């Protein structure tokens, strides 16, 4: 179980229900911290809420129909030590980015 948690801590998960991108460590390559969160900045997690530490952006490499391309994610919540990092697919849809689970591609 602990090994599974360690494995998740350095991966991204596509979350179809999330409207927020979330990063769990500031050690990610390409991460830029832009400003500190305020006391009222939270994300929902299970049945509770988790305090956001900061907001930022990053370049992320993704599989697309035309090959690996760089995506710029903005307004990413940094939550130190969260179990994994999330790409909020609900947020992506607003930008015209869609995920194909069958082919593991972003359009």
N, C-alpha and C. Protein backbone atom coordinates (compact mmCIF):
# COMPACT_ATOMS: atom_id res chain seq x y z
N UNK A 1 0.83 -1.20 0.00
CA UNK A 1 0.00 0.00 0.00
C UNK A 1 0.87 1.26 0.00
N UNK A 2 1.88 1.31 0.86
CA UNK A 2 2.75 2.48 0.93
C UNK A 2 3.47 2.70 -0.40
N UNK A 3 3.89 1.62 -1.05
CA UNK A 3 4.55 1.71 -2.34
C UNK A 3 3.60 2.30 -3.39
N UNK A 4 2.31 1.92 -3.35
CA UNK A 4 1.32 2.47 -4.27
C UNK A 4 1.16 3.98 -4.06
N UNK A 5 1.16 4.41 -2.81
CA UNK A 5 1.04 5.84 -2.50
C UNK A 5 2.27 6.58 -3.00
N UNK A 6 3.46 6.03 -2.80
CA UNK A 6 4.68 6.66 -3.29
C UNK A 6 4.64 6.80 -4.81
N UNK A 7 4.14 5.79 -5.49
CA UNK A 7 4.05 5.82 -6.94
C UNK A 7 3.09 6.93 -7.41
N UNK A 8 1.99 7.11 -6.71
CA UNK A 8 1.02 8.15 -7.07
C UNK A 8 1.56 9.55 -6.83
N UNK A 9 2.46 9.71 -5.89
CA UNK A 9 2.91 11.04 -5.52
C UNK A 9 3.68 11.75 -6.62
N UNK A 10 4.19 11.01 -7.62
CA UNK A 10 4.93 11.67 -8.69
C UNK A 10 4.28 11.43 -10.06
N UNK A 11 2.95 11.33 -10.06
CA UNK A 11 2.20 11.14 -11.29
C UNK A 11 1.05 12.14 -11.36
N UNK A 12 0.51 12.29 -12.56
CA UNK A 12 -0.67 13.10 -12.78
C UNK A 12 -1.86 12.17 -13.01
N UNK A 13 -2.99 12.52 -12.47
CA UNK A 13 -4.23 11.79 -12.71
C UNK A 13 -5.20 12.73 -13.40
N UNK A 14 -5.86 12.23 -14.45
CA UNK A 14 -6.91 13.00 -15.12
C UNK A 14 -8.18 12.83 -14.31
N UNK A 15 -8.70 13.91 -13.77
CA UNK A 15 -9.90 13.85 -12.93
C UNK A 15 -11.05 14.50 -13.69
N UNK A 16 -11.99 13.68 -14.21
CA UNK A 16 -13.07 14.23 -15.02
C UNK A 16 -14.03 15.14 -14.25
N UNK A 17 -14.09 15.00 -12.94
CA UNK A 17 -15.01 15.81 -12.15
C UNK A 17 -14.40 17.08 -11.57
N UNK A 18 -13.09 17.25 -11.72
CA UNK A 18 -12.43 18.39 -11.09
C UNK A 18 -12.36 19.60 -12.02
N UNK A 19 -12.66 20.76 -11.46
CA UNK A 19 -12.51 22.00 -12.23
C UNK A 19 -11.25 22.75 -11.80
N UNK A 20 -10.37 22.06 -11.08
CA UNK A 20 -9.12 22.66 -10.60
C UNK A 20 -7.96 21.72 -10.91
N UNK A 21 -6.89 22.27 -11.48
CA UNK A 21 -5.65 21.52 -11.58
C UNK A 21 -4.98 21.60 -10.21
N UNK A 22 -4.30 20.54 -9.81
CA UNK A 22 -3.69 20.52 -8.49
C UNK A 22 -2.33 19.86 -8.60
N UNK A 23 -1.35 20.44 -7.94
CA UNK A 23 0.00 19.89 -7.89
C UNK A 23 0.36 19.64 -6.43
N UNK A 24 1.08 18.53 -6.19
CA UNK A 24 1.35 18.13 -4.81
C UNK A 24 2.77 18.41 -4.34
N UNK A 25 3.62 18.92 -5.24
CA UNK A 25 5.01 19.21 -4.88
C UNK A 25 5.51 20.35 -5.76
N UNK A 26 6.32 21.20 -5.19
CA UNK A 26 6.91 22.28 -5.98
C UNK A 26 8.18 21.81 -6.71
N UNK A 27 8.49 20.53 -6.60
CA UNK A 27 9.67 19.98 -7.27
C UNK A 27 9.42 19.59 -8.72
N UNK A 28 8.18 19.70 -9.21
CA UNK A 28 7.88 19.36 -10.59
C UNK A 28 8.63 20.28 -11.54
N UNK A 29 9.24 19.71 -12.56
CA UNK A 29 9.92 20.49 -13.59
C UNK A 29 8.90 21.34 -14.34
N UNK A 30 9.20 22.58 -14.54
CA UNK A 30 8.30 23.47 -15.26
C UNK A 30 7.32 24.24 -14.38
N UNK A 31 7.27 23.92 -13.09
CA UNK A 31 6.35 24.59 -12.16
C UNK A 31 6.82 26.00 -11.86
N UNK A 32 5.91 26.96 -11.92
CA UNK A 32 6.19 28.34 -11.56
C UNK A 32 5.18 28.77 -10.51
N UNK A 33 5.68 29.07 -9.32
CA UNK A 33 4.80 29.58 -8.25
C UNK A 33 4.53 31.04 -8.54
N UNK A 34 3.27 31.42 -8.60
CA UNK A 34 2.92 32.79 -8.98
C UNK A 34 2.49 33.65 -7.79
N UNK A 35 1.70 33.08 -6.89
CA UNK A 35 1.32 33.84 -5.70
C UNK A 35 0.81 32.90 -4.61
N UNK A 36 0.89 33.35 -3.37
CA UNK A 36 0.42 32.56 -2.23
C UNK A 36 -1.10 32.55 -2.19
N UNK A 37 -1.64 31.46 -1.72
CA UNK A 37 -3.09 31.35 -1.53
C UNK A 37 -3.50 32.16 -0.30
N UNK A 38 -4.78 32.47 -0.24
CA UNK A 38 -5.32 33.16 0.94
C UNK A 38 -6.02 32.12 1.81
N UNK A 39 -6.36 32.50 3.02
CA UNK A 39 -6.93 31.56 4.00
C UNK A 39 -8.23 30.91 3.53
N UNK A 40 -8.93 31.51 2.60
CA UNK A 40 -10.21 30.96 2.14
C UNK A 40 -10.06 30.08 0.89
N UNK A 41 -8.82 29.83 0.43
CA UNK A 41 -8.59 28.99 -0.75
C UNK A 41 -8.50 27.52 -0.34
N UNK A 42 -9.50 26.74 -0.74
CA UNK A 42 -9.57 25.32 -0.44
C UNK A 42 -9.95 24.55 -1.69
N UNK A 43 -9.63 23.25 -1.72
CA UNK A 43 -10.18 22.32 -2.71
C UNK A 43 -10.93 21.24 -1.95
N UNK A 44 -11.97 20.72 -2.56
CA UNK A 44 -12.72 19.63 -1.97
C UNK A 44 -11.96 18.33 -2.19
N UNK A 45 -11.91 17.50 -1.17
CA UNK A 45 -11.25 16.19 -1.27
C UNK A 45 -12.03 15.20 -0.42
N UNK A 46 -12.62 14.23 -1.10
CA UNK A 46 -13.51 13.26 -0.44
C UNK A 46 -14.64 14.02 0.22
N UNK A 47 -14.75 13.92 1.53
CA UNK A 47 -15.85 14.59 2.22
C UNK A 47 -15.41 15.87 2.92
N UNK A 48 -14.15 16.26 2.72
CA UNK A 48 -13.64 17.43 3.41
C UNK A 48 -13.05 18.45 2.47
N UNK A 49 -12.31 19.37 3.06
CA UNK A 49 -11.63 20.40 2.29
C UNK A 49 -10.16 20.42 2.69
N UNK A 50 -9.31 20.78 1.70
CA UNK A 50 -7.87 20.84 1.94
C UNK A 50 -7.40 22.26 1.60
N UNK A 51 -6.58 22.83 2.49
CA UNK A 51 -6.07 24.19 2.29
C UNK A 51 -5.08 24.24 1.13
N UNK A 52 -5.24 25.19 0.25
CA UNK A 52 -4.30 25.44 -0.84
C UNK A 52 -3.18 26.32 -0.31
N UNK A 53 -1.94 26.00 -0.67
CA UNK A 53 -0.78 26.76 -0.21
C UNK A 53 -0.45 27.91 -1.16
N UNK A 54 -0.51 27.64 -2.47
CA UNK A 54 -0.12 28.64 -3.46
C UNK A 54 -0.81 28.33 -4.79
N UNK A 55 -0.68 29.27 -5.72
CA UNK A 55 -1.20 29.12 -7.08
C UNK A 55 -0.05 29.32 -8.06
N UNK A 56 -0.12 28.61 -9.18
CA UNK A 56 0.94 28.76 -10.16
C UNK A 56 0.55 28.20 -11.52
N UNK A 57 1.57 27.99 -12.35
CA UNK A 57 1.36 27.46 -13.69
C UNK A 57 2.54 26.55 -14.02
N UNK A 58 2.38 25.78 -15.11
CA UNK A 58 3.49 24.93 -15.54
C UNK A 58 3.28 24.45 -16.96
N UNK A 59 4.39 24.07 -17.56
CA UNK A 59 4.39 23.41 -18.87
C UNK A 59 4.38 21.91 -18.58
N UNK A 60 3.52 21.18 -19.28
CA UNK A 60 3.39 19.75 -19.08
C UNK A 60 3.41 19.08 -20.44
N UNK A 61 4.18 18.02 -20.58
CA UNK A 61 4.22 17.28 -21.84
C UNK A 61 3.07 16.28 -21.87
N UNK A 62 2.35 16.23 -23.01
CA UNK A 62 1.17 15.37 -23.11
C UNK A 62 1.13 14.67 -24.46
N UNK A 63 0.57 13.45 -24.46
CA UNK A 63 0.34 12.73 -25.71
C UNK A 63 -0.85 13.35 -26.43
N UNK A 64 -0.67 13.68 -27.70
CA UNK A 64 -1.73 14.23 -28.53
C UNK A 64 -1.78 13.43 -29.83
N UNK A 65 -2.83 13.61 -30.65
CA UNK A 65 -2.89 12.88 -31.92
C UNK A 65 -1.71 13.17 -32.85
N UNK A 66 -1.04 14.30 -32.66
CA UNK A 66 0.10 14.64 -33.51
C UNK A 66 1.43 14.43 -32.81
N UNK A 67 1.42 13.68 -31.71
CA UNK A 67 2.65 13.40 -30.98
C UNK A 67 2.68 14.12 -29.63
N UNK A 68 3.81 14.04 -28.96
CA UNK A 68 3.96 14.67 -27.65
C UNK A 68 4.08 16.18 -27.84
N UNK A 69 3.26 16.92 -27.11
CA UNK A 69 3.28 18.38 -27.19
C UNK A 69 3.26 18.97 -25.79
N UNK A 70 3.72 20.19 -25.69
CA UNK A 70 3.73 20.92 -24.43
C UNK A 70 2.38 21.61 -24.24
N UNK A 71 1.83 21.48 -23.05
CA UNK A 71 0.60 22.18 -22.67
C UNK A 71 0.94 23.13 -21.53
N UNK A 72 0.41 24.32 -21.58
CA UNK A 72 0.59 25.24 -20.46
C UNK A 72 -0.66 25.19 -19.60
N UNK A 73 -0.50 24.70 -18.39
CA UNK A 73 -1.60 24.69 -17.43
C UNK A 73 -1.48 25.93 -16.55
N UNK A 74 -2.59 26.62 -16.37
CA UNK A 74 -2.60 27.82 -15.54
C UNK A 74 -3.55 27.62 -14.37
N UNK A 75 -3.43 28.49 -13.40
CA UNK A 75 -4.29 28.48 -12.21
C UNK A 75 -4.26 27.09 -11.55
N UNK A 76 -3.04 26.61 -11.27
CA UNK A 76 -2.85 25.31 -10.62
C UNK A 76 -2.74 25.55 -9.11
N UNK A 77 -3.53 24.82 -8.36
CA UNK A 77 -3.48 24.88 -6.90
C UNK A 77 -2.34 24.00 -6.40
N UNK A 78 -1.49 24.54 -5.55
CA UNK A 78 -0.43 23.74 -4.91
C UNK A 78 -0.91 23.35 -3.52
N UNK A 79 -1.03 22.03 -3.30
CA UNK A 79 -1.39 21.49 -1.99
C UNK A 79 -0.27 20.55 -1.58
N UNK A 80 0.58 21.03 -0.69
CA UNK A 80 1.77 20.28 -0.28
C UNK A 80 1.37 18.91 0.26
N UNK A 81 2.01 17.87 -0.32
CA UNK A 81 1.83 16.52 0.18
C UNK A 81 0.54 15.83 -0.22
N UNK A 82 -0.28 16.45 -1.09
CA UNK A 82 -1.49 15.78 -1.56
C UNK A 82 -1.09 14.45 -2.19
N UNK A 83 -1.94 13.45 -2.18
CA UNK A 83 -1.56 12.11 -2.61
C UNK A 83 -1.10 12.05 -4.06
N UNK A 84 -1.58 12.92 -4.92
CA UNK A 84 -1.19 12.93 -6.33
C UNK A 84 -1.41 14.33 -6.90
N UNK A 85 -1.01 14.52 -8.14
CA UNK A 85 -1.31 15.76 -8.85
C UNK A 85 -2.45 15.47 -9.82
N UNK A 86 -3.31 16.46 -10.04
CA UNK A 86 -4.51 16.27 -10.84
C UNK A 86 -4.57 17.24 -12.01
N UNK A 87 -5.02 16.73 -13.14
CA UNK A 87 -5.42 17.60 -14.24
C UNK A 87 -6.94 17.63 -14.19
N UNK A 88 -7.50 18.78 -13.92
CA UNK A 88 -8.94 18.93 -13.84
C UNK A 88 -9.55 18.96 -15.24
N UNK A 89 -10.10 17.84 -15.68
CA UNK A 89 -10.63 17.76 -17.04
C UNK A 89 -11.83 18.67 -17.25
N UNK A 90 -12.60 18.95 -16.21
CA UNK A 90 -13.70 19.90 -16.35
C UNK A 90 -13.16 21.28 -16.71
N UNK A 91 -12.03 21.64 -16.14
CA UNK A 91 -11.38 22.92 -16.48
C UNK A 91 -10.84 22.88 -17.91
N UNK A 92 -10.30 21.72 -18.33
CA UNK A 92 -9.76 21.59 -19.68
C UNK A 92 -10.85 21.73 -20.74
N UNK A 93 -12.02 21.15 -20.47
CA UNK A 93 -13.12 21.21 -21.45
C UNK A 93 -13.47 22.64 -21.80
N UNK A 94 -13.41 23.54 -20.82
CA UNK A 94 -13.71 24.95 -21.07
C UNK A 94 -12.71 25.57 -22.05
N UNK A 95 -11.51 24.97 -22.13
CA UNK A 95 -10.47 25.47 -23.03
C UNK A 95 -10.43 24.69 -24.34
N UNK A 96 -11.38 23.75 -24.52
CA UNK A 96 -11.42 22.96 -25.74
C UNK A 96 -10.44 21.80 -25.75
N UNK A 97 -9.95 21.38 -24.57
CA UNK A 97 -9.05 20.24 -24.46
C UNK A 97 -9.85 19.06 -23.95
N UNK A 98 -9.76 17.92 -24.66
CA UNK A 98 -10.52 16.74 -24.29
C UNK A 98 -9.59 15.54 -24.19
N UNK A 99 -9.91 14.62 -23.28
CA UNK A 99 -9.08 13.45 -23.04
C UNK A 99 -9.76 12.22 -23.62
N UNK A 100 -9.02 11.42 -24.39
CA UNK A 100 -9.49 10.15 -24.94
C UNK A 100 -8.85 9.03 -24.13
N UNK A 101 -9.62 8.47 -23.21
CA UNK A 101 -9.12 7.43 -22.33
C UNK A 101 -8.67 6.19 -23.09
N UNK A 102 -9.40 5.82 -24.12
CA UNK A 102 -9.06 4.63 -24.89
C UNK A 102 -7.71 4.71 -25.57
N UNK A 103 -7.33 5.92 -26.00
CA UNK A 103 -6.06 6.08 -26.69
C UNK A 103 -5.02 6.83 -25.86
N UNK A 104 -5.39 7.24 -24.63
CA UNK A 104 -4.49 7.99 -23.76
C UNK A 104 -3.95 9.24 -24.45
N UNK A 105 -4.87 10.03 -25.03
CA UNK A 105 -4.49 11.23 -25.79
C UNK A 105 -5.32 12.42 -25.34
N UNK A 106 -4.71 13.59 -25.43
CA UNK A 106 -5.43 14.84 -25.24
C UNK A 106 -5.66 15.47 -26.60
N UNK A 107 -6.86 15.93 -26.86
CA UNK A 107 -7.21 16.61 -28.13
C UNK A 107 -7.44 18.08 -27.86
